[in-house]
Amino acid sequence: MDSSASGGADQGSGPSPRGAIASDVIGRIPDLASVGLGVWLVTFVASVVAVGFVSGLIWGTGMEFPASWGRPIGLQVDALVDWMKIHMDWLLDGSSDAVLQLLVWIEDFLIWLPWPATILAVALLSWRASGLALAVFSGTALLAIGLMGRLPDNPDSLWAASMETLALIIVSVLISLIIGIPAGILGAQSRWVDNISRPLLDGAQTMPSFVYLVPALLFFGLGTVPAVVATVIYAVPPVIRLTNLGIRQVSPETVEAARSFGATRMQLLAKVQFPMATPTIMAGVNQTTMLALSMVVIASLVGAGGLGETVLRALGRQESGNALIGGLAIVTLAIITDRITQALGKAREEALSG
């Protein structure tokens, strides 16, 4: 009596025969991620051929995708944009005015500053960062930019256009760093934030460059502000990724030692993690600056001036010479900026390793 009852209880608590058979069948299905290449290829070809054959028998060849199953979302997006323009105009207008004012201040200062002082400042900064060779190159290259605009067949000066482009890059990179470094730190300290930001950064880095102009035009219209916004969207992902990576790469032993001495979370970040991650963060600054410079010509399509406008106007008029010297000026600024930021990051890395 007791043994039968206990046997019934055991039978009721165990898996049913059907469940055991189903589990056994599912367990026998091979994992395509772990099978060999030959088996995977056979499975791939057989599956595609089978699905294509059955679909052809039912719907015929050349079947169209059933777009009617979905719904157009273009009107909903337009309605959302219109709503944001009406109810968030205080934020859009305020940010636009702030960016424009900062851009005007920096541009006016660079144009007001005498060109010998500008060349000397860049040369001394290059000398401090890398050495005499880079200082000589930077000074000579900046001097060449100004002289190229005084050729007989090109009476316009490239110096003012270069300063306008430099102001645009300074503002764009500054905003990118203000957004990117805290976002990278937050992603390094929170797996949840990292998992959310990673697909967004992947999408931002794979979209064509012209796509970045769409949100800028929708919310800010034409002018230099949408150019800055598009440049920031395009250039901010590297500094976020590399800040995140730099913080995560700090040795766990170093972090644990700082905690054992009673360091708070902010002290750990400010005095241990961030200083040791500086070389990686500087690599992100370098990449962000290069991406910002690569947007110069594209940003001119929405009203940004500077060297991008020079190149765009020359291409429209089929003036290959003016387009060439405008492009050379952009390349020169990119090389100088790249060498200086690389040297600063390398110097910090050598200080940490030494």
Protein backbone atom coordinates (compact mmCIF):
# COMPACT_ATOMS: atom_id res chain seq x y z
CA MET A 1 0.00 0.00 0.00
CA ASP A 2 2.69 2.42 0.99
CA SER A 3 5.05 1.31 -1.75
CA SER A 4 2.39 1.75 -4.44
CA ALA A 5 1.53 5.18 -3.15
CA SER A 6 5.13 6.22 -3.06
CA GLY A 7 5.61 4.79 -6.56
CA GLY A 8 2.63 6.81 -7.78
CA ALA A 9 4.05 9.91 -6.19
CA ASP A 10 7.41 9.33 -7.83
CA GLN A 11 5.73 8.75 -11.17
CA GLY A 12 3.69 11.94 -10.82
CA SER A 13 6.70 14.04 -9.89
CA GLY A 14 8.89 12.80 -12.79
CA PRO A 15 8.59 13.84 -16.42
CA SER A 16 5.79 12.36 -18.50
CA PRO A 17 6.66 9.92 -21.31
CA ARG A 18 5.65 12.45 -23.96
CA GLY A 19 7.77 15.15 -22.33
CA ALA A 20 10.75 12.81 -22.15
CA ILE A 21 10.38 11.92 -25.85
CA ALA A 22 10.08 15.61 -26.84
CA SER A 23 13.14 16.52 -24.80
CA ASP A 24 15.07 13.66 -26.37
CA VAL A 25 14.09 14.77 -29.90
CA ILE A 26 15.00 18.40 -29.22
CA GLY A 27 18.29 17.31 -27.72
CA ARG A 28 19.14 15.41 -30.90
CA ILE A 29 18.75 18.54 -33.09
CA PRO A 30 22.29 19.71 -33.90
CA ASP A 31 23.39 23.18 -32.92
CA LEU A 32 24.33 24.92 -36.19
CA ALA A 33 26.82 27.09 -34.34
CA SER A 34 28.84 24.04 -33.27
CA VAL A 35 28.66 21.73 -36.30
CA GLY A 36 31.39 21.51 -38.89
CA LEU A 37 31.55 23.71 -41.97
CA GLY A 38 30.57 20.88 -44.32
CA VAL A 39 27.45 19.99 -42.35
CA TRP A 40 26.53 23.66 -42.09
CA LEU A 41 26.87 24.18 -45.85
CA VAL A 42 24.71 21.13 -46.61
CA THR A 43 22.08 22.34 -44.14
CA PHE A 44 22.19 25.85 -45.56
CA VAL A 45 21.78 24.76 -49.20
CA ALA A 46 19.10 22.17 -48.40
CA SER A 47 17.07 24.64 -46.31
CA VAL A 48 17.19 27.46 -48.86
CA VAL A 49 16.35 25.13 -51.76
CA ALA A 50 13.47 23.53 -49.86
CA VAL A 51 11.93 26.85 -48.79
CA GLY A 52 12.38 28.29 -52.30
CA PHE A 53 10.83 25.22 -53.93
CA VAL A 54 7.78 25.19 -51.64
CA SER A 55 7.31 28.96 -52.02
CA GLY A 56 7.52 28.66 -55.81
CA LEU A 57 4.90 25.92 -55.85
CA ILE A 58 2.48 27.89 -53.70
CA TRP A 59 2.96 31.51 -54.84
CA GLY A 60 4.90 31.11 -58.07
CA THR A 61 8.31 32.49 -59.02
CA GLY A 62 9.12 36.18 -58.77
CA MET A 63 6.83 36.63 -55.77
CA GLU A 64 6.74 40.12 -54.32
CA PHE A 65 7.28 40.90 -50.67
CA PRO A 66 3.90 41.35 -48.93
CA ALA A 67 4.36 45.01 -48.11
CA SER A 68 0.62 45.32 -47.42
CA TRP A 69 1.10 43.33 -44.24
CA GLY A 70 2.94 46.25 -42.74
CA ARG A 71 2.03 49.89 -42.40
CA PRO A 72 3.75 53.09 -43.57
CA ILE A 73 5.32 54.99 -40.71
CA GLY A 74 6.45 58.08 -42.61
CA LEU A 75 3.35 60.06 -41.61
CA GLN A 76 3.78 59.09 -37.96
CA VAL A 77 7.41 60.24 -38.05
CA ASP A 78 6.37 63.56 -39.60
CA ALA A 79 3.72 64.02 -36.92
CA LEU A 80 6.27 63.28 -34.18
CA VAL A 81 8.72 65.79 -35.62
CA ASP A 82 6.01 68.45 -35.84
CA TRP A 83 4.99 67.77 -32.24
CA MET A 84 8.59 68.08 -31.04
CA LYS A 85 9.04 71.34 -32.93
CA ILE A 86 5.96 72.80 -31.23
CA HIS A 87 6.33 71.48 -27.69
CA MET A 88 10.14 71.40 -27.45
CA ASP A 89 10.92 74.67 -29.19
CA TRP A 90 12.36 76.05 -25.93
CA LEU A 91 14.99 73.30 -25.91
CA LEU A 92 15.75 73.40 -29.64
CA ASP A 93 15.91 77.20 -29.82
CA GLY A 94 17.95 77.46 -26.62
CA SER A 95 20.52 74.89 -27.68
CA SER A 96 20.69 76.41 -31.16
CA ASP A 97 21.34 79.89 -29.76
CA ALA A 98 24.01 78.57 -27.36
CA VAL A 99 25.87 76.66 -30.08
CA LEU A 100 25.66 79.57 -32.50
CA GLN A 101 26.93 82.06 -29.93
CA LEU A 102 29.87 79.86 -28.99
CA LEU A 103 30.71 79.31 -32.64
CA VAL A 104 30.60 83.04 -33.39
CA TRP A 105 32.83 83.86 -30.41
CA ILE A 106 35.51 81.33 -31.38
CA GLU A 107 35.37 82.26 -35.06
CA ASP A 108 35.61 85.99 -34.35
CA PHE A 109 38.55 85.40 -32.01
CA LEU A 110 40.46 83.26 -34.53
CA ILE A 111 39.90 85.80 -37.30
CA TRP A 112 40.77 88.72 -34.98
CA LEU A 113 43.98 87.07 -33.82
CA PRO A 114 46.89 88.13 -36.08
CA TRP A 115 47.97 85.28 -38.33
CA PRO A 116 51.62 85.27 -37.08
CA ALA A 117 50.36 84.73 -33.53
CA THR A 118 48.12 81.85 -34.68
CA ILE A 119 50.95 80.14 -36.55
CA LEU A 120 53.31 80.63 -33.61
CA ALA A 121 50.77 79.23 -31.14
CA VAL A 122 50.20 76.09 -33.23
CA ALA A 123 53.95 75.64 -33.79
CA LEU A 124 54.74 75.94 -30.07
CA LEU A 125 51.95 73.51 -29.21
CA SER A 126 53.29 71.06 -31.79
CA TRP A 127 56.81 71.47 -30.39
CA ARG A 128 55.58 70.77 -26.88
CA ALA A 129 53.57 67.72 -27.99
CA SER A 130 55.96 66.04 -30.42
CA GLY A 131 59.12 67.99 -31.08
CA LEU A 132 60.80 70.42 -33.43
CA ALA A 133 59.99 68.50 -36.62
CA LEU A 134 56.23 68.73 -36.10
CA ALA A 135 56.55 72.38 -35.08
CA VAL A 136 58.34 73.25 -38.31
CA PHE A 137 55.83 71.28 -40.36
CA SER A 138 52.83 72.86 -38.64
CA GLY A 139 54.11 76.41 -39.05
CA THR A 140 55.10 75.87 -42.68
CA ALA A 141 51.81 74.16 -43.51
CA LEU A 142 49.68 76.92 -41.97
CA LEU A 143 51.75 79.52 -43.79
CA ALA A 144 51.20 77.63 -47.04
CA ILE A 145 47.44 77.64 -46.48
CA GLY A 146 47.41 81.42 -46.34
CA LEU A 147 49.73 81.78 -49.32
CA MET A 148 47.69 79.43 -51.51
CA GLY A 149 44.80 81.87 -51.34
CA ARG A 150 46.95 84.67 -52.83
CA LEU A 151 47.70 83.00 -56.16
CA PRO A 152 46.93 85.15 -59.25
CA ASP A 153 44.12 82.85 -60.39
CA ASN A 154 42.56 82.69 -56.91
CA PRO A 155 42.21 86.14 -55.32
CA ASP A 156 40.17 84.81 -52.37
CA SER A 157 42.05 84.15 -49.15
CA LEU A 158 41.90 80.68 -47.63
CA TRP A 159 43.02 81.90 -44.22
CA ALA A 160 39.59 83.18 -43.12
CA ALA A 161 37.93 80.03 -44.48
CA SER A 162 40.42 77.90 -42.56
CA MET A 163 39.73 79.77 -39.33
CA GLU A 164 35.99 79.34 -39.89
CA THR A 165 36.48 75.62 -40.39
CA LEU A 166 38.72 75.44 -37.34
CA ALA A 167 36.03 77.13 -35.23
CA LEU A 168 33.45 74.63 -36.48
CA ILE A 169 35.74 71.71 -35.61
CA ILE A 170 36.58 73.11 -32.15
CA VAL A 171 32.90 73.51 -31.24
CA SER A 172 31.92 70.12 -32.65
CA VAL A 173 34.74 68.26 -30.91
CA LEU A 174 34.11 70.13 -27.65
CA ILE A 175 30.42 69.14 -27.65
CA SER A 176 31.35 65.57 -28.64
CA LEU A 177 33.73 65.30 -25.68
CA ILE A 178 31.19 66.80 -23.27
CA ILE A 179 28.70 64.16 -24.37
CA GLY A 180 31.03 61.26 -25.13
CA ILE A 181 33.37 61.05 -22.13
CA PRO A 182 30.60 60.96 -19.45
CA ALA A 183 28.61 58.53 -21.61
CA GLY A 184 31.65 56.27 -21.93
CA ILE A 185 32.30 56.38 -18.19
CA LEU A 186 28.66 55.57 -17.48
CA GLY A 187 28.76 52.67 -19.93
CA ALA A 188 31.91 51.29 -18.31
CA GLN A 189 30.30 51.32 -14.87
CA SER A 190 26.87 50.03 -15.89
CA ARG A 191 26.33 46.91 -18.00
CA TRP A 192 22.73 47.97 -18.58
CA VAL A 193 23.80 51.29 -20.09
CA ASP A 194 26.49 49.56 -22.14
CA ASN A 195 24.01 47.07 -23.61
CA ILE A 196 21.67 49.90 -24.61
CA SER A 197 24.34 52.21 -26.04
CA ARG A 198 26.18 49.55 -28.05
CA PRO A 199 23.52 49.06 -30.80
CA LEU A 200 22.98 52.81 -30.96
CA LEU A 201 26.70 53.38 -31.52
CA ASP A 202 26.80 50.59 -34.10
CA GLY A 203 24.00 52.26 -36.01
CA ALA A 204 25.60 55.69 -35.74
CA GLN A 205 28.91 54.38 -37.14
CA THR A 206 27.40 52.43 -40.05
CA MET A 207 24.94 54.98 -41.42
CA PRO A 208 26.03 56.94 -44.52
CA SER A 209 27.39 60.38 -43.80
CA PHE A 210 24.55 62.20 -45.54
CA VAL A 211 21.99 60.59 -43.22
CA TYR A 212 23.31 62.64 -40.31
CA LEU A 213 22.08 65.77 -42.05
CA VAL A 214 18.43 64.63 -41.78
CA PRO A 215 17.82 65.18 -38.04
CA ALA A 216 19.89 68.36 -38.12
CA LEU A 217 17.79 69.79 -40.94
CA LEU A 218 14.49 68.64 -39.39
CA PHE A 219 15.05 70.42 -36.07
CA PHE A 220 17.44 73.28 -36.87
CA GLY A 221 16.94 74.17 -40.54
CA LEU A 222 19.85 75.51 -42.59
CA GLY A 223 22.98 77.18 -41.24
CA THR A 224 26.01 76.43 -39.13
CA VAL A 225 24.08 74.96 -36.18
CA PRO A 226 22.75 71.94 -38.12
CA ALA A 227 26.27 71.47 -39.47
CA VAL A 228 27.58 71.27 -35.90
CA VAL A 229 24.78 68.90 -34.88
CA ALA A 230 25.41 66.56 -37.83
CA THR A 231 29.15 66.62 -37.14
CA VAL A 232 28.61 65.79 -33.46
CA ILE A 233 26.33 62.85 -34.27
CA TYR A 234 28.89 61.53 -36.72
CA ALA A 235 31.97 62.09 -34.57
CA VAL A 236 30.87 61.21 -31.03
CA PRO A 237 30.81 57.35 -31.17
CA PRO A 238 34.60 56.78 -31.09
CA VAL A 239 35.17 58.77 -27.91
CA ILE A 240 32.28 56.95 -26.20
CA ARG A 241 33.60 53.53 -27.20
CA LEU A 242 37.23 54.21 -26.33
CA THR A 243 36.42 55.90 -23.02
CA ASN A 244 34.34 52.85 -22.12
CA LEU A 245 37.17 50.55 -23.20
CA GLY A 246 39.85 52.53 -21.37
CA ILE A 247 37.96 52.47 -18.06
CA ARG A 248 37.27 48.74 -18.39
CA GLN A 249 40.91 47.96 -19.17
CA VAL A 250 42.21 49.36 -15.90
CA SER A 251 43.76 46.51 -13.93
CA PRO A 252 41.33 44.96 -11.41
CA GLU A 253 44.24 44.62 -8.96
CA THR A 254 44.82 48.38 -9.13
CA VAL A 255 41.15 49.09 -8.56
CA GLU A 256 41.01 46.67 -5.64
CA ALA A 257 44.11 48.21 -4.08
CA ALA A 258 42.55 51.69 -4.27
CA ARG A 259 39.36 50.41 -2.67
CA SER A 260 41.32 48.71 0.11
CA PHE A 261 42.77 52.10 1.00
CA GLY A 262 39.27 53.52 1.37
CA ALA A 263 38.86 55.32 -1.96
CA THR A 264 35.31 56.34 -2.72
CA ARG A 265 33.71 55.74 -6.09
CA MET A 266 34.43 59.25 -7.31
CA GLN A 267 38.00 59.15 -5.99
CA LEU A 268 38.53 55.82 -7.70
CA LEU A 269 37.31 57.24 -10.99
CA ALA A 270 39.11 60.60 -10.78
CA LYS A 271 42.45 59.46 -9.34
CA VAL A 272 42.85 55.90 -10.63
CA GLN A 273 40.65 54.82 -13.53
CA PHE A 274 40.48 58.01 -15.58
CA PRO A 275 44.23 58.84 -15.39
CA MET A 276 45.18 55.28 -16.34
CA ALA A 277 42.65 55.28 -19.19
CA THR A 278 43.89 58.60 -20.59
CA PRO A 279 45.93 57.11 -23.51
CA THR A 280 42.89 55.19 -24.74
CA ILE A 281 40.64 58.21 -24.24
CA MET A 282 43.10 60.36 -26.21
CA ALA A 283 42.87 57.84 -29.06
CA GLY A 284 39.12 58.44 -28.97
CA VAL A 285 39.67 62.20 -29.05
CA ASN A 286 41.94 61.73 -32.04
CA GLN A 287 39.37 59.67 -33.93
CA THR A 288 36.57 62.08 -33.05
CA THR A 289 38.59 65.02 -34.37
CA MET A 290 39.41 63.19 -37.61
CA LEU A 291 35.75 62.28 -38.17
CA ALA A 292 34.73 65.89 -37.52
CA LEU A 293 37.19 67.09 -40.14
CA SER A 294 35.90 64.50 -42.61
CA MET A 295 32.42 66.07 -42.31
CA VAL A 296 33.58 69.53 -43.38
CA VAL A 297 32.54 69.27 -47.02
CA ILE A 298 29.30 67.40 -46.26
CA ALA A 299 28.35 69.94 -43.60
CA SER A 300 28.69 72.69 -46.19
CA LEU A 301 25.59 71.25 -47.90
CA VAL A 302 23.43 72.58 -45.06
CA GLY A 303 25.00 76.02 -44.90
CA ALA A 304 28.31 75.60 -43.09
CA GLY A 305 30.97 77.88 -44.50
CA GLY A 306 34.71 77.55 -44.37
CA LEU A 307 36.85 75.25 -46.46
CA GLY A 308 33.94 72.90 -47.12
CA GLU A 309 32.04 75.68 -48.85
CA THR A 310 35.19 76.54 -50.85
CA VAL A 311 35.47 72.97 -52.12
CA LEU A 312 31.74 72.63 -52.79
CA ARG A 313 31.53 75.91 -54.68
CA ALA A 314 34.62 75.06 -56.74
CA LEU A 315 33.18 71.68 -57.67
CA GLY A 316 29.92 73.30 -58.71
CA ARG A 317 31.79 75.74 -60.95
CA GLN A 318 34.19 73.02 -62.18
CA GLU A 319 37.18 74.93 -60.82
CA SER A 320 39.51 72.04 -60.14
CA GLY A 321 42.35 74.27 -58.93
CA ASN A 322 40.31 75.96 -56.22
CA ALA A 323 38.80 72.62 -55.21
CA LEU A 324 42.31 71.17 -54.94
CA ILE A 325 43.73 73.90 -52.72
CA GLY A 326 40.62 73.80 -50.52
CA GLY A 327 41.03 70.05 -50.15
CA LEU A 328 44.74 70.45 -49.41
CA ALA A 329 43.93 72.97 -46.68
CA ILE A 330 41.52 70.47 -45.08
CA VAL A 331 44.13 67.71 -45.28
CA THR A 332 46.76 70.01 -43.74
CA LEU A 333 44.53 70.82 -40.76
CA ALA A 334 43.75 67.12 -40.36
CA ILE A 335 47.43 66.11 -40.36
CA ILE A 336 48.40 68.77 -37.82
CA THR A 337 45.52 67.87 -35.51
CA ASP A 338 46.17 64.15 -35.86
CA ARG A 339 49.88 64.45 -35.03
CA ILE A 340 49.28 66.70 -32.00
CA THR A 341 46.56 64.50 -30.46
CA GLN A 342 48.54 61.33 -31.14
CA ALA A 343 51.62 62.82 -29.52
CA LEU A 344 49.69 63.87 -26.42
CA GLY A 345 48.23 60.39 -26.03
CA LYS A 346 51.62 58.74 -26.58
CA ALA A 347 53.28 61.00 -24.02
CA ARG A 348 50.69 60.04 -21.41
CA GLU A 349 51.14 56.35 -22.25
CA GLU A 350 54.92 56.62 -21.84
CA ALA A 351 54.45 58.40 -18.51
CA LEU A 352 52.23 55.58 -17.23
CA SER A 353 54.53 52.82 -18.47
CA GLY A 354 57.66 54.55 -17.15
